[in-house]
Amino acid sequence: MSDRQFPSGAKEELRSFAFLTVVLAPVLAVAIIAAYGFLVWFYQMFAGPPHV
């Protein structure tokens, strides 16, 4: 019973879920944070640093 076979669709769905959670989500999170940091840096080149 330990050698249970999944249907073809379920196996593909599990592979897609693993790819999305292990690869795509972290890469997308880092890319979004890096893009935001770049935008702030680029904005401050023209507007100057924040005044406190």
PDB file of N, CA and C in Angstrom:
ATOM      1  N   MET A   1       0.813  -1.196   0.000  1.00  0.00           N
ATOM      2  CA  MET A   1       0.000   0.000   0.000  1.00  0.00           C
ATOM      3  C   MET A   1       0.857   1.261   0.000  1.00  0.00           C
ATOM      4  N   SER A   2       2.142   1.128   0.372  1.00  0.00           N
ATOM      5  CA  SER A   2       3.005   2.307   0.393  1.00  0.00           C
ATOM      6  C   SER A   2       3.396   2.758  -1.008  1.00  0.00           C
ATOM      7  N   ASP A   3       3.240   1.893  -1.998  1.00  0.00           N
ATOM      8  CA  ASP A   3       3.586   2.238  -3.381  1.00  0.00           C
ATOM      9  C   ASP A   3       2.324   2.699  -4.118  1.00  0.00           C
ATOM     10  N   ARG A   4       1.656   3.681  -3.542  1.00  0.00           N
ATOM     11  CA  ARG A   4       0.406   4.172  -4.098  1.00  0.00           C
ATOM     12  C   ARG A   4       0.675   5.041  -5.324  1.00  0.00           C
ATOM     13  N   GLN A   5      -0.078   4.852  -6.369  1.00  0.00           N
ATOM     14  CA  GLN A   5       0.080   5.622  -7.599  1.00  0.00           C
ATOM     15  C   GLN A   5      -0.952   6.737  -7.636  1.00  0.00           C
ATOM     16  N   PHE A   6      -0.499   7.947  -7.935  1.00  0.00           N
ATOM     17  CA  PHE A   6      -1.397   9.080  -8.067  1.00  0.00           C
ATOM     18  C   PHE A   6      -1.863   9.169  -9.511  1.00  0.00           C
ATOM     19  N   PRO A   7      -3.056   9.671  -9.722  1.00  0.00           N
ATOM     20  CA  PRO A   7      -3.483   9.929 -11.101  1.00  0.00           C
ATOM     21  C   PRO A   7      -2.562  10.950 -11.761  1.00  0.00           C
ATOM     22  N   SER A   8      -2.525  10.932 -13.065  1.00  0.00           N
ATOM     23  CA  SER A   8      -1.617  11.811 -13.808  1.00  0.00           C
ATOM     24  C   SER A   8      -1.849  13.281 -13.480  1.00  0.00           C
ATOM     25  N   GLY A   9      -3.082  13.697 -13.378  1.00  0.00           N
ATOM     26  CA  GLY A   9      -3.391  15.099 -13.087  1.00  0.00           C
ATOM     27  C   GLY A   9      -2.945  15.505 -11.698  1.00  0.00           C
ATOM     28  N   ALA A  10      -3.112  14.619 -10.719  1.00  0.00           N
ATOM     29  CA  ALA A  10      -2.715  14.938  -9.350  1.00  0.00           C
ATOM     30  C   ALA A  10      -1.199  15.045  -9.235  1.00  0.00           C
ATOM     31  N   LYS A  11      -0.486  14.209  -9.950  1.00  0.00           N
ATOM     32  CA  LYS A  11       0.977  14.254  -9.916  1.00  0.00           C
ATOM     33  C   LYS A  11       1.483  15.564 -10.521  1.00  0.00           C
ATOM     34  N   GLU A  12       0.882  15.967 -11.623  1.00  0.00           N
ATOM     35  CA  GLU A  12       1.265  17.230 -12.265  1.00  0.00           C
ATOM     36  C   GLU A  12       0.896  18.419 -11.374  1.00  0.00           C
ATOM     37  N   GLU A  13      -0.239  18.322 -10.706  1.00  0.00           N
ATOM     38  CA  GLU A  13      -0.654  19.394  -9.799  1.00  0.00           C
ATOM     39  C   GLU A  13       0.307  19.512  -8.613  1.00  0.00           C
ATOM     40  N   LEU A  14       0.748  18.399  -8.073  1.00  0.00           N
ATOM     41  CA  LEU A  14       1.703  18.410  -6.971  1.00  0.00           C
ATOM     42  C   LEU A  14       3.047  18.984  -7.418  1.00  0.00           C
ATOM     43  N   ARG A  15       3.471  18.643  -8.614  1.00  0.00           N
ATOM     44  CA  ARG A  15       4.727  19.181  -9.155  1.00  0.00           C
ATOM     45  C   ARG A  15       4.623  20.694  -9.372  1.00  0.00           C
ATOM     46  N   SER A  16       3.488  21.149  -9.874  1.00  0.00           N
ATOM     47  CA  SER A  16       3.284  22.581 -10.076  1.00  0.00           C
ATOM     48  C   SER A  16       3.258  23.323  -8.744  1.00  0.00           C
ATOM     49  N   PHE A  17       2.573  22.760  -7.756  1.00  0.00           N
ATOM     50  CA  PHE A  17       2.509  23.389  -6.435  1.00  0.00           C
ATOM     51  C   PHE A  17       3.900  23.484  -5.822  1.00  0.00           C
ATOM     52  N   ALA A  18       4.692  22.430  -5.936  1.00  0.00           N
ATOM     53  CA  ALA A  18       6.048  22.444  -5.381  1.00  0.00           C
ATOM     54  C   ALA A  18       6.901  23.503  -6.076  1.00  0.00           C
ATOM     55  N   PHE A  19       6.780  23.610  -7.386  1.00  0.00           N
ATOM     56  CA  PHE A  19       7.545  24.626  -8.113  1.00  0.00           C
ATOM     57  C   PHE A  19       7.139  26.033  -7.681  1.00  0.00           C
ATOM     58  N   LEU A  20       5.834  26.262  -7.545  1.00  0.00           N
ATOM     59  CA  LEU A  20       5.358  27.592  -7.159  1.00  0.00           C
ATOM     60  C   LEU A  20       5.820  27.968  -5.755  1.00  0.00           C
ATOM     61  N   THR A  21       5.770  27.044  -4.814  1.00  0.00           N
ATOM     62  CA  THR A  21       6.101  27.373  -3.437  1.00  0.00           C
ATOM     63  C   THR A  21       7.592  27.381  -3.168  1.00  0.00           C
ATOM     64  N   VAL A  22       8.349  26.517  -3.826  1.00  0.00           N
ATOM     65  CA  VAL A  22       9.785  26.402  -3.537  1.00  0.00           C
ATOM     66  C   VAL A  22      10.612  27.347  -4.390  1.00  0.00           C
ATOM     67  N   VAL A  23      10.210  27.582  -5.621  1.00  0.00           N
ATOM     68  CA  VAL A  23      11.023  28.378  -6.545  1.00  0.00           C
ATOM     69  C   VAL A  23      10.404  29.741  -6.822  1.00  0.00           C
ATOM     70  N   LEU A  24       9.203  29.746  -7.322  1.00  0.00           N
ATOM     71  CA  LEU A  24       8.640  30.982  -7.849  1.00  0.00           C
ATOM     72  C   LEU A  24       8.301  32.009  -6.767  1.00  0.00           C
ATOM     73  N   ALA A  25       7.717  31.583  -5.658  1.00  0.00           N
ATOM     74  CA  ALA A  25       7.335  32.536  -4.609  1.00  0.00           C
ATOM     75  C   ALA A  25       8.547  33.259  -4.017  1.00  0.00           C
ATOM     76  N   PRO A  26       9.625  32.553  -3.621  1.00  0.00           N
ATOM     77  CA  PRO A  26      10.784  33.281  -3.093  1.00  0.00           C
ATOM     78  C   PRO A  26      11.453  34.190  -4.123  1.00  0.00           C
ATOM     79  N   VAL A  27      11.566  33.726  -5.352  1.00  0.00           N
ATOM     80  CA  VAL A  27      12.187  34.548  -6.388  1.00  0.00           C
ATOM     81  C   VAL A  27      11.349  35.793  -6.643  1.00  0.00           C
ATOM     82  N   LEU A  28      10.037  35.645  -6.698  1.00  0.00           N
ATOM     83  CA  LEU A  28       9.156  36.781  -6.921  1.00  0.00           C
ATOM     84  C   LEU A  28       9.212  37.761  -5.748  1.00  0.00           C
ATOM     85  N   ALA A  29       9.275  37.252  -4.529  1.00  0.00           N
ATOM     86  CA  ALA A  29       9.357  38.123  -3.361  1.00  0.00           C
ATOM     87  C   ALA A  29      10.648  38.942  -3.384  1.00  0.00           C
ATOM     88  N   VAL A  30      11.768  38.305  -3.681  1.00  0.00           N
ATOM     89  CA  VAL A  30      13.048  39.017  -3.738  1.00  0.00           C
ATOM     90  C   VAL A  30      13.033  40.044  -4.864  1.00  0.00           C
ATOM     91  N   ALA A  31      12.460  39.690  -6.001  1.00  0.00           N
ATOM     92  CA  ALA A  31      12.407  40.621  -7.128  1.00  0.00           C
ATOM     93  C   ALA A  31      11.551  41.844  -6.810  1.00  0.00           C
ATOM     94  N   ILE A  32      10.436  41.644  -6.139  1.00  0.00           N
ATOM     95  CA  ILE A  32       9.566  42.774  -5.797  1.00  0.00           C
ATOM     96  C   ILE A  32      10.249  43.693  -4.798  1.00  0.00           C
ATOM     97  N   ILE A  33      10.900  43.127  -3.787  1.00  0.00           N
ATOM     98  CA  ILE A  33      11.594  43.947  -2.790  1.00  0.00           C
ATOM     99  C   ILE A  33      12.776  44.684  -3.424  1.00  0.00           C
ATOM    100  N   ALA A  34      13.505  44.014  -4.305  1.00  0.00           N
ATOM    101  CA  ALA A  34      14.622  44.670  -4.982  1.00  0.00           C
ATOM    102  C   ALA A  34      14.128  45.799  -5.889  1.00  0.00           C
ATOM    103  N   ALA A  35      13.024  45.583  -6.585  1.00  0.00           N
ATOM    104  CA  ALA A  35      12.479  46.626  -7.455  1.00  0.00           C
ATOM    105  C   ALA A  35      12.024  47.826  -6.633  1.00  0.00           C
ATOM    106  N   TYR A  36      11.406  47.587  -5.499  1.00  0.00           N
ATOM    107  CA  TYR A  36      10.985  48.695  -4.639  1.00  0.00           C
ATOM    108  C   TYR A  36      12.199  49.467  -4.122  1.00  0.00           C
ATOM    109  N   GLY A  37      13.232  48.757  -3.691  1.00  0.00           N
ATOM    110  CA  GLY A  37      14.448  49.423  -3.232  1.00  0.00           C
ATOM    111  C   GLY A  37      15.092  50.244  -4.335  1.00  0.00           C
ATOM    112  N   PHE A  38      15.093  49.707  -5.545  1.00  0.00           N
ATOM    113  CA  PHE A  38      15.653  50.441  -6.670  1.00  0.00           C
ATOM    114  C   PHE A  38      14.848  51.701  -6.954  1.00  0.00           C
ATOM    115  N   LEU A  39      13.525  51.596  -6.891  1.00  0.00           N
ATOM    116  CA  LEU A  39      12.685  52.769  -7.136  1.00  0.00           C
ATOM    117  C   LEU A  39      12.908  53.847  -6.086  1.00  0.00           C
ATOM    118  N   VAL A  40      13.031  53.463  -4.832  1.00  0.00           N
ATOM    119  CA  VAL A  40      13.289  54.436  -3.773  1.00  0.00           C
ATOM    120  C   VAL A  40      14.647  55.090  -3.992  1.00  0.00           C
ATOM    121  N   TRP A  41      15.648  54.290  -4.309  1.00  0.00           N
ATOM    122  CA  TRP A  41      16.997  54.820  -4.552  1.00  0.00           C
ATOM    123  C   TRP A  41      16.989  55.790  -5.741  1.00  0.00           C
ATOM    124  N   PHE A  42      16.307  55.394  -6.813  1.00  0.00           N
ATOM    125  CA  PHE A  42      16.244  56.234  -8.008  1.00  0.00           C
ATOM    126  C   PHE A  42      15.490  57.530  -7.726  1.00  0.00           C
ATOM    127  N   TYR A  43      14.400  57.450  -6.967  1.00  0.00           N
ATOM    128  CA  TYR A  43      13.635  58.644  -6.603  1.00  0.00           C
ATOM    129  C   TYR A  43      14.492  59.594  -5.759  1.00  0.00           C
ATOM    130  N   GLN A  44      15.260  59.050  -4.835  1.00  0.00           N
ATOM    131  CA  GLN A  44      16.068  59.889  -3.963  1.00  0.00           C
ATOM    132  C   GLN A  44      17.249  60.532  -4.696  1.00  0.00           C
ATOM    133  N   MET A  45      17.624  59.997  -5.849  1.00  0.00           N
ATOM    134  CA  MET A  45      18.668  60.659  -6.633  1.00  0.00           C
ATOM    135  C   MET A  45      18.180  62.025  -7.109  1.00  0.00           C
ATOM    136  N   PHE A  46      16.894  62.150  -7.399  1.00  0.00           N
ATOM    137  CA  PHE A  46      16.348  63.402  -7.895  1.00  0.00           C
ATOM    138  C   PHE A  46      15.740  64.263  -6.783  1.00  0.00           C
ATOM    139  N   ALA A  47      15.053  63.645  -5.832  1.00  0.00           N
ATOM    140  CA  ALA A  47      14.349  64.392  -4.799  1.00  0.00           C
ATOM    141  C   ALA A  47      15.220  64.650  -3.579  1.00  0.00           C
ATOM    142  N   GLY A  48      16.326  63.983  -3.476  1.00  0.00           N
ATOM    143  CA  GLY A  48      17.180  64.136  -2.312  1.00  0.00           C
ATOM    144  C   GLY A  48      16.759  63.203  -1.187  1.00  0.00           C
ATOM    145  N   PRO A  49      17.579  63.128  -0.158  1.00  0.00           N
ATOM    146  CA  PRO A  49      17.253  62.229   0.947  1.00  0.00           C
ATOM    147  C   PRO A  49      16.058  62.782   1.739  1.00  0.00           C
ATOM    148  N   PRO A  50      15.407  61.938   2.510  1.00  0.00           N
ATOM    149  CA  PRO A  50      14.280  62.430   3.306  1.00  0.00           C
ATOM    150  C   PRO A  50      14.756  63.397   4.380  1.00  0.00           C
ATOM    151  N   HIS A  51      13.981  64.439   4.595  1.00  0.00           N
ATOM    152  CA  HIS A  51      14.335  65.437   5.600  1.00  0.00           C
ATOM    153  C   HIS A  51      13.558  65.149   6.873  1.00  0.00           C
ATOM    154  N   VAL A  52      14.290  65.050   7.969  1.00  0.00           N
ATOM    155  CA  VAL A  52      13.653  64.731   9.243  1.00  0.00           C
ATOM    156  C   VAL A  52      13.517  65.976  10.073  1.00  0.00           C
TER     157      VAL A  52
END
